[in-house]
Amino acid sequence: GVAPWEITYTDGTSFWTVNNITTDKYLLKVTPAATTQYWITEVKHIYGTNSTPSAKVTIVVNPRPTSSKIYPHDP
């Protein structure tokens, strides 16, 4: 297709749209609080729309480690 593109993506509950993408490589940034799946539901450009969903991508969010002493006793 021809730029600019518009993509719509989802986590199965909410939908977001990113407009005016002008490069053929685009980094989609997400910040989930828990492990979440995302997929693109639609891609548009000036000549048409593709509504075939993409494969799902899983973003794994691990808990923060707890703080602990490096050594078993104080020096």
Protein backbone atom coordinates (compact mmCIF):
# COMPACT_ATOMS: atom_id res chain seq x y z
CA GLY A 1 0.00 0.00 0.00
CA VAL A 2 0.80 3.67 -0.03
CA ALA A 3 1.44 5.85 3.03
CA PRO A 4 -0.05 7.20 5.16
CA TRP A 5 -1.49 4.14 6.91
CA GLU A 6 -3.90 3.77 9.80
CA ILE A 7 -3.97 0.69 12.03
CA THR A 8 -6.49 -0.41 14.60
CA TYR A 9 -5.43 -2.92 17.24
CA THR A 10 -7.07 -4.56 20.25
CA ASP A 11 -6.52 -6.60 23.37
CA GLY A 12 -9.96 -8.17 22.95
CA THR A 13 -11.59 -5.57 25.21
CA SER A 14 -10.43 -2.14 24.05
CA PHE A 15 -9.56 -0.86 20.58
CA TRP A 16 -6.96 1.75 19.67
CA THR A 17 -6.23 3.44 16.35
CA VAL A 18 -2.92 4.92 15.21
CA ASN A 19 -3.20 7.42 12.35
CA ASN A 20 -0.80 8.95 9.86
CA ILE A 21 1.87 6.23 9.84
CA THR A 22 4.29 7.34 7.15
CA THR A 23 6.99 4.65 7.22
CA ASP A 24 6.69 1.02 6.15
CA LYS A 25 8.19 -0.11 9.49
CA TYR A 26 6.37 1.04 12.61
CA LEU A 27 7.02 0.15 16.25
CA LEU A 28 3.78 -0.17 18.15
CA LYS A 29 4.36 0.60 21.82
CA VAL A 30 2.05 -0.84 24.47
CA THR A 31 2.33 -0.78 28.26
CA PRO A 32 0.16 -3.52 29.76
CA ALA A 33 -0.01 -3.97 33.53
CA ALA A 34 -0.41 -7.74 33.16
CA THR A 35 0.34 -10.34 30.51
CA THR A 36 -1.84 -9.39 27.52
CA GLN A 37 -2.46 -10.46 23.94
CA TYR A 38 -2.72 -7.86 21.17
CA TRP A 39 -3.56 -8.11 17.50
CA ILE A 40 -4.19 -5.78 14.60
CA THR A 41 -7.81 -5.75 13.45
CA GLU A 42 -7.60 -3.36 10.52
CA VAL A 43 -5.09 -1.60 8.28
CA LYS A 44 -6.17 1.29 6.04
CA HIS A 45 -4.49 3.39 3.39
CA ILE A 46 -5.72 5.72 0.66
CA TYR A 47 -6.70 2.87 -1.70
CA GLY A 48 -8.48 0.52 0.69
CA THR A 49 -8.89 -1.36 3.94
CA ASN A 50 -7.68 -4.77 5.08
CA SER A 51 -9.90 -6.12 7.88
CA THR A 52 -8.23 -9.53 8.16
CA PRO A 53 -7.02 -9.85 11.77
CA SER A 54 -3.31 -10.42 12.34
CA ALA A 55 -1.86 -13.20 14.46
CA LYS A 56 -1.96 -12.48 18.20
CA VAL A 57 1.17 -11.36 20.01
CA THR A 58 1.54 -12.00 23.74
CA ILE A 59 3.33 -9.45 25.90
CA VAL A 60 4.46 -11.13 29.13
CA VAL A 61 4.64 -8.91 32.21
CA ASN A 62 6.65 -10.39 35.07
CA PRO A 63 6.35 -9.13 38.64
CA ARG A 64 9.10 -6.90 39.96
CA PRO A 65 11.66 -8.76 42.01
CA THR A 66 11.62 -8.22 45.76
CA SER A 67 14.60 -6.50 47.28
CA SER A 68 16.98 -8.61 49.32
CA LYS A 69 20.54 -8.53 50.59
CA ILE A 70 23.21 -9.72 48.22
CA TYR A 71 25.16 -11.33 51.06
CA PRO A 72 23.66 -13.57 53.77
CA HIS A 73 25.17 -11.39 56.54
CA ASP A 74 26.35 -7.82 57.09
CA PRO A 75 30.09 -7.15 56.52
